[in-house]
Protein backbone atom coordinates (compact mmCIF):
# COMPACT_ATOMS: atom_id res chain seq x y z
CA MET A 1 -24.46 13.73 57.33
CA ARG A 2 -23.37 14.00 53.69
CA ARG A 3 -21.92 10.97 52.00
CA PRO A 4 -18.42 11.82 50.71
CA ASN A 5 -19.09 10.25 47.33
CA CYS A 6 -22.09 12.59 46.84
CA ARG A 7 -19.89 15.63 47.34
CA ARG A 8 -17.29 14.34 44.93
CA THR A 9 -19.93 13.54 42.33
CA ALA A 10 -21.41 17.03 42.51
CA LEU A 11 -18.02 18.65 42.17
CA ALA A 12 -17.13 16.37 39.29
CA ARG A 13 -19.76 18.29 37.37
CA HIS A 14 -18.31 21.61 38.56
CA ARG A 15 -14.55 21.95 38.20
CA VAL A 16 -14.04 25.13 40.16
CA SER A 17 -11.48 27.80 39.36
CA ALA A 18 -10.39 30.61 41.65
CA ALA A 19 -13.15 32.66 40.08
CA GLY A 20 -15.60 30.55 42.02
CA GLY A 21 -17.46 29.08 39.05
CA PRO A 22 -17.24 26.03 36.79
CA ALA A 23 -13.90 26.01 34.98
CA ARG A 24 -13.64 26.02 31.20
CA SER A 25 -10.78 25.88 28.78
CA LYS A 26 -8.59 28.98 28.74
CA ALA A 27 -10.09 30.19 25.47
CA GLN A 28 -13.63 29.99 26.83
CA THR A 29 -13.21 31.39 30.34
CA PRO A 30 -14.56 34.91 30.83
CA SER A 31 -11.67 36.90 32.23
CA LEU A 32 -11.29 38.61 35.53
CA HIS A 33 -9.47 41.94 35.49
CA PRO A 34 -5.77 41.65 34.49
CA ARG A 35 -4.69 42.91 37.94
CA ASN A 36 -6.98 40.52 39.80
CA ARG A 37 -4.98 38.14 42.01
CA HIS A 38 -7.49 35.34 41.43
CA ARG A 39 -7.21 34.69 37.70
CA GLY A 40 -5.72 31.23 38.20
CA ARG A 41 -6.79 28.30 40.34
CA TYR A 42 -6.68 28.44 44.10
CA ASP A 43 -3.32 27.33 45.51
CA PHE A 44 -4.57 25.12 48.32
CA ALA A 45 -1.09 24.46 49.71
CA GLU A 46 -0.68 28.20 50.22
CA LEU A 47 -4.21 28.59 51.58
CA LEU A 48 -3.82 25.77 54.09
CA GLN A 49 -0.54 27.17 55.31
CA ALA A 50 -2.20 30.54 55.92
CA SER A 51 -5.36 29.05 57.46
CA PRO A 52 -5.20 25.41 58.65
CA ALA A 53 -8.91 25.62 59.59
CA LEU A 54 -9.67 25.21 55.88
CA ALA A 55 -8.30 21.64 55.88
CA PRO A 56 -11.54 19.78 56.87
CA HIS A 57 -13.33 21.42 53.94
CA VAL A 58 -10.84 20.51 51.20
CA ILE A 59 -11.99 17.65 48.98
CA ARG A 60 -10.62 15.91 45.93
CA THR A 61 -12.62 16.26 42.73
CA ALA A 62 -13.04 13.59 40.08
CA TYR A 63 -10.42 15.53 38.10
CA GLY A 64 -7.85 14.90 40.84
CA GLU A 65 -7.82 18.55 41.97
CA ASP A 66 -8.28 20.10 45.39
CA SER A 67 -11.40 22.18 45.86
CA ILE A 68 -14.23 22.78 48.31
CA ASP A 69 -17.94 22.13 48.14
CA PHE A 70 -19.25 25.55 47.14
CA SER A 71 -22.73 24.58 48.34
CA ASP A 72 -21.37 24.34 51.90
CA ALA A 73 -21.60 27.73 53.63
CA ALA A 74 -18.98 26.81 56.24
CA ALA A 75 -16.54 25.77 53.52
CA VAL A 76 -17.08 29.02 51.61
CA ARG A 77 -16.39 31.07 54.73
CA GLU A 78 -13.22 29.19 55.52
CA LEU A 79 -12.05 29.57 51.94
CA ASN A 80 -12.61 33.33 52.11
CA ARG A 81 -10.74 33.53 55.40
CA ALA A 82 -7.81 31.63 53.93
CA VAL A 83 -7.74 33.70 50.71
CA LEU A 84 -7.78 36.98 52.61
CA ALA A 85 -5.00 35.81 54.92
CA ALA A 86 -2.77 34.25 52.26
CA GLN A 87 -3.12 36.79 49.46
CA TYR A 88 -3.92 40.04 51.25
CA GLY A 89 -2.44 39.61 54.73
CA ILE A 90 -5.85 40.19 56.33
CA ARG A 91 -6.22 38.42 59.69
CA GLY A 92 -9.15 37.73 61.96
CA TRP A 93 -11.76 37.88 59.22
CA GLU A 94 -14.83 36.65 61.10
CA ILE A 95 -18.44 37.45 60.25
CA PRO A 96 -21.63 36.41 62.06
CA PRO A 97 -23.19 33.29 60.51
CA ALA A 98 -26.24 35.03 59.02
CA TYR A 99 -24.30 37.69 57.12
CA LEU A 100 -23.23 37.83 53.49
CA CYS A 101 -19.99 36.03 52.69
CA PRO A 102 -18.74 37.81 49.56
CA PRO A 103 -16.95 36.07 46.66
CA VAL A 104 -13.55 37.76 46.88
CA PRO A 105 -12.53 37.59 43.18
CA GLY A 106 -15.63 39.45 42.01
CA ARG A 107 -15.35 42.08 44.74
CA ALA A 108 -11.72 42.67 43.79
CA ASP A 109 -12.71 43.09 40.13
CA TYR A 110 -15.06 45.96 40.99
CA LEU A 111 -12.25 47.79 42.78
CA HIS A 112 -9.84 47.28 39.88
CA GLY A 113 -12.45 48.64 37.49
CA LEU A 114 -12.89 51.71 39.67
CA ALA A 115 -9.12 52.20 39.75
CA ASP A 116 -9.11 52.21 35.94
CA LEU A 117 -11.93 54.76 35.97
CA LEU A 118 -9.90 57.11 38.17
CA ALA A 119 -6.86 56.53 35.96
CA GLU A 120 -8.78 57.98 32.99
CA ASP A 121 -8.63 61.34 34.76
CA ALA A 122 -4.97 60.94 35.73
CA GLY A 123 -3.21 60.42 32.43
CA GLY A 124 -3.60 56.65 32.60
CA GLU A 125 -1.87 56.37 35.99
CA ILE A 126 -3.89 54.86 38.84
CA PRO A 127 -4.02 57.31 41.75
CA ARG A 128 -2.90 55.50 44.87
CA GLY A 129 -2.51 56.30 48.52
CA SER A 130 -4.42 58.05 51.24
CA ALA A 131 -5.26 61.13 49.16
CA ILE A 132 -7.97 59.03 47.47
CA ARG A 133 -11.14 58.72 49.53
CA ALA A 134 -13.87 56.17 48.76
CA LEU A 135 -17.35 55.81 50.25
CA ASP A 136 -18.71 52.26 50.49
CA ILE A 137 -22.51 52.28 50.70
CA GLY A 138 -23.58 49.14 52.59
CA VAL A 139 -20.19 48.04 53.89
CA GLY A 140 -21.75 45.06 55.68
CA ALA A 141 -20.25 42.83 58.34
CA ASN A 142 -17.58 41.60 55.91
CA CYS A 143 -16.03 45.06 55.20
CA ILE A 144 -14.64 43.54 52.01
CA TYR A 145 -14.29 46.60 49.77
CA PRO A 146 -12.42 48.79 52.26
CA LEU A 147 -10.10 45.91 53.19
CA LEU A 148 -9.23 45.02 49.60
CA GLY A 149 -9.09 48.65 48.46
CA GLN A 150 -6.69 49.56 51.25
CA VAL A 151 -4.39 46.62 50.50
CA GLU A 152 -4.43 47.03 46.72
CA TYR A 153 -4.35 50.81 46.35
CA GLY A 154 -3.86 52.38 49.76
CA TRP A 155 -7.12 54.35 49.50
CA GLN A 156 -8.93 55.79 52.49
CA PHE A 157 -12.43 54.43 53.04
CA VAL A 158 -15.61 55.32 54.84
CA GLY A 159 -17.98 52.37 55.07
CA SER A 160 -21.64 53.06 55.88
CA ASP A 161 -24.47 50.75 56.83
CA ILE A 162 -27.94 50.90 58.35
CA ASP A 163 -27.20 47.78 60.46
CA SER A 164 -25.35 48.54 63.70
CA ALA A 165 -24.63 44.82 64.30
CA ALA A 166 -22.98 44.57 60.88
CA LEU A 167 -20.82 47.60 61.68
CA ALA A 168 -19.82 46.07 65.01
CA ALA A 169 -18.70 42.89 63.22
CA ALA A 170 -16.79 44.94 60.65
CA GLN A 171 -15.09 46.87 63.46
CA ARG A 172 -13.88 43.61 65.01
CA ILE A 173 -12.19 42.76 61.73
CA LEU A 174 -10.56 46.18 61.66
CA ASP A 175 -9.42 45.78 65.27
CA ALA A 176 -7.58 42.63 64.16
CA ASN A 177 -5.87 44.59 61.37
CA PRO A 178 -4.74 47.88 62.93
CA ALA A 179 -2.59 48.93 59.97
CA LEU A 180 -5.68 48.84 57.75
CA ALA A 181 -8.05 50.18 60.40
CA GLU A 182 -6.10 53.43 60.51
CA HIS A 183 -7.42 54.19 57.02
CA ILE A 184 -11.00 52.85 57.31
CA GLU A 185 -13.86 54.56 59.12
CA LEU A 186 -17.27 53.00 59.72
CA ARG A 187 -20.47 55.06 59.95
CA LEU A 188 -24.05 54.23 60.82
CA GLN A 189 -26.56 55.54 58.30
CA GLY A 190 -29.25 56.55 60.75
CA GLN A 191 -31.79 57.51 58.11
CA ARG A 192 -33.26 54.23 56.94
CA GLY A 193 -34.38 54.52 53.36
CA SER A 194 -31.65 57.07 52.57
CA VAL A 195 -28.43 56.42 50.69
CA PHE A 196 -26.30 59.58 50.94
CA SER A 197 -28.63 61.88 52.84
CA GLY A 198 -27.31 62.68 56.31
CA LEU A 199 -24.14 60.64 55.77
CA LEU A 200 -21.52 63.14 54.62
CA GLY A 201 -19.96 65.69 56.93
CA GLU A 202 -19.96 69.38 56.12
CA GLY A 203 -17.63 70.03 53.18
CA GLU A 204 -16.61 66.37 53.00
CA LEU A 205 -15.46 65.12 49.58
CA PHE A 206 -15.01 61.65 48.11
CA ASP A 207 -13.26 60.65 44.91
CA LEU A 208 -15.65 57.77 44.38
CA SER A 209 -18.53 55.88 45.91
CA LEU A 210 -19.29 52.20 45.46
CA CYS A 211 -22.17 49.94 46.37
CA ASN A 212 -23.36 46.35 46.24
CA PRO A 213 -27.11 47.00 46.45
CA PRO A 214 -29.77 44.56 47.67
CA PHE A 215 -30.80 42.78 44.48
CA HIS A 216 -34.18 41.33 45.39
CA ALA A 217 -37.58 42.93 45.86
CA SER A 218 -38.81 40.67 48.68
CA ALA A 219 -37.87 37.75 50.91
CA GLU A 220 -39.75 35.43 48.52
CA ASP A 221 -37.81 36.79 45.55
CA ALA A 222 -34.53 36.23 47.43
CA ALA A 223 -35.57 32.65 48.21
CA ARG A 224 -36.27 31.96 44.53
CA GLY A 225 -32.86 33.35 43.64
CA SER A 226 -31.26 31.08 46.20
CA GLN A 227 -33.11 28.09 44.79
CA ARG A 228 -31.69 28.86 41.34
CA LYS A 229 -28.17 28.97 42.81
CA TRP A 230 -28.66 25.56 44.39
CA ASN A 231 -30.00 24.18 41.13
CA ASN A 232 -26.94 25.51 39.31
CA LEU A 233 -24.73 23.73 41.82
CA GLY A 234 -26.57 20.49 41.05
CA LYS A 235 -27.86 20.09 44.60
CA PRO A 236 -31.23 20.08 46.32
CA ALA A 237 -31.69 23.15 48.52
CA ALA A 238 -31.48 22.53 52.25
CA SER A 239 -34.32 24.53 53.71
CA LYS A 240 -36.10 25.71 56.79
CA ALA A 241 -39.80 26.47 56.47
CA GLY A 242 -39.44 26.17 52.72
CA THR A 243 -36.70 28.81 52.41
CA PRO A 244 -33.52 27.62 50.66
CA ALA A 245 -30.32 27.91 52.66
CA LEU A 246 -27.72 30.29 51.30
CA ASN A 247 -24.18 29.11 50.65
CA PHE A 248 -23.02 32.74 50.62
CA GLY A 249 -25.43 33.82 53.37
CA GLY A 250 -27.05 37.22 53.64
CA THR A 251 -29.41 39.05 55.97
CA ALA A 252 -32.65 40.70 54.87
CA ASN A 253 -30.96 44.11 54.62
CA GLU A 254 -28.26 42.67 52.37
CA LEU A 255 -30.50 40.64 50.08
CA TRP A 256 -33.66 42.63 49.47
CA CYS A 257 -35.45 45.96 49.76
CA THR A 258 -38.84 47.23 48.69
CA GLY A 259 -38.79 47.52 44.91
CA GLY A 260 -35.52 45.61 44.63
CA GLU A 261 -32.34 46.69 42.91
CA ALA A 262 -33.98 49.03 40.39
CA SER A 263 -35.80 50.99 43.09
CA PHE A 264 -32.67 51.26 45.24
CA LEU A 265 -30.58 52.54 42.33
CA ARG A 266 -33.20 55.08 41.30
CA ARG A 267 -33.09 56.44 44.83
CA MET A 268 -29.30 56.47 44.76
CA ILE A 269 -29.30 58.43 41.49
CA ARG A 270 -31.79 60.99 42.83
CA GLU A 271 -29.75 61.52 45.98
CA SER A 272 -26.48 61.71 44.07
CA ALA A 273 -27.85 64.67 42.10
CA ALA A 274 -28.00 66.59 45.38
CA LEU A 275 -24.23 66.06 45.83
CA PRO A 276 -22.89 66.86 42.35
CA GLU A 277 -19.61 68.36 43.57
CA ARG A 278 -19.09 66.24 46.70
CA ILE A 279 -18.32 62.90 45.02
CA CYS A 280 -16.37 62.79 41.78
CA TRP A 281 -17.57 59.39 40.53
CA PHE A 282 -20.65 57.60 41.87
CA SER A 283 -20.97 53.89 41.14
CA SER A 284 -22.90 50.72 41.90
CA LEU A 285 -23.00 47.11 40.87
CA VAL A 286 -26.00 46.31 38.68
CA ALA A 287 -27.00 42.65 38.84
CA LYS A 288 -29.66 42.71 36.15
CA SER A 289 -28.74 44.10 32.75
CA GLU A 290 -32.41 44.73 31.94
CA HIS A 291 -32.35 47.57 34.49
CA LEU A 292 -29.72 49.53 32.55
CA PRO A 293 -31.99 51.32 30.01
CA GLU A 294 -34.18 52.79 32.75
CA LEU A 295 -31.14 53.73 34.83
CA ARG A 296 -29.64 55.56 31.84
CA LYS A 297 -32.85 57.58 31.56
CA GLN A 298 -32.75 58.37 35.27
CA LEU A 299 -29.13 59.51 35.03
CA SER A 300 -29.90 61.76 32.08
CA LYS A 301 -32.84 63.25 33.94
CA ALA A 302 -30.67 63.80 37.03
CA GLY A 303 -28.08 65.71 34.99
CA ALA A 304 -25.16 63.27 34.94
CA VAL A 305 -22.67 64.48 32.33
CA GLU A 306 -20.86 61.16 31.84
CA THR A 307 -21.70 57.52 32.53
CA ARG A 308 -19.74 54.30 32.27
CA GLU A 309 -21.01 50.72 32.10
CA ILE A 310 -18.11 48.43 32.97
CA ALA A 311 -18.56 44.72 32.23
CA MET A 312 -17.17 42.11 34.62
CA ALA A 313 -17.01 38.31 34.59
CA GLN A 314 -16.42 35.74 37.33
CA GLY A 315 -16.48 32.18 36.09
CA ASN A 316 -19.77 31.80 34.23
CA LYS A 317 -21.29 34.79 35.97
CA ARG A 318 -21.52 38.03 34.00
CA SER A 319 -21.95 41.27 35.86
CA ARG A 320 -21.26 44.98 35.52
CA PHE A 321 -21.03 48.19 37.42
CA LEU A 322 -22.52 51.53 36.48
CA ALA A 323 -20.60 54.75 37.19
CA TRP A 324 -21.65 58.35 36.69
CA THR A 325 -20.41 61.87 37.38
CA PHE A 326 -21.86 65.37 37.39
CA LEU A 327 -18.42 66.87 36.72
CA ASP A 328 -17.32 67.43 33.15
CA ALA A 329 -13.75 66.78 32.00
CA THR A 330 -12.60 70.31 32.88
CA ALA A 331 -14.08 70.08 36.37
CA ARG A 332 -12.47 66.69 36.91
CA ARG A 333 -9.08 68.07 35.89
CA GLY A 334 -9.52 70.72 38.55
CA TRP A 335 -10.56 68.07 41.06
CA ARG A 336 -7.45 66.05 40.27
CA ALA A 337 -5.15 69.06 40.56
CA ARG A 338 -6.57 69.99 43.96
CA ARG A 339 -6.77 66.52 45.50
CA TRP A 340 -4.62 63.89 43.86
CA PRO A 341 -0.87 63.50 44.16
CA PRO A 342 1.14 64.05 40.95
CA ALA A 343 1.27 60.95 38.72
């Protein structure tokens, strides 16, 4: 059993903002997107009202502020559940213990960045509502992108995954939120090793695709990454058989694939080139900036006519997503005229 003073001491070194990282002065803090609901500190009074189950995990830091121990997986899950209930009206968010528990602020930032990307082709106005269709590659048990995207922008989503158990868990969340479920479809990607192949129906179109790819190249690589996270939290890693425990969880499918992130994204780019007029904007998170030069070369080789590299920040963590299209500006204007409601 942890000693309470140990938890307070660790968090004294890590004042935590709603971005989920150590807080800095306002001038120093890397900014979340201006529309992100999580730019300030967590309002624990609001969160506890929405989800009383969070109460056992709330602690007082040395700065006299309420927070949680972000090295405690159970606390992180309860915080997510409370945030989704209080700020998005999402109920019954339950995921199996082994699965990835996503940091909500960063996931929301990706969606806001994609909304801005679509707005570029709509005279600066964000296209909203069910006319916009998004494909989430690797929706996972948490179903976070379709849930947030439906609440924030009213978009329709198809979420795909190779893991039938993850899809079953995601469906249980949707069953608890019927108003959202009406606009979110889940699909099993039956071709392991494929991204888009075999997934789209005949003539089916999407305005955008998004993805949070497996970042690591092996289980050992994922374990080393987890150890670094624990070190950054100022804590020794709890482990089983030498493998560090994960405060944000994650199954093998979610954390690693052969060749890691770079290999996955190369495959995604190759497959996207076979669907140049089926998806207007393809996109993916890119965890490691050193992969970008090679990905640019792959996109050029595949025939992408435009690319975007959109920077993001969550606390001290810097990230980005890469977006590309095979449709030039004229083709995208035609796409908008055919599919999107007037601005």
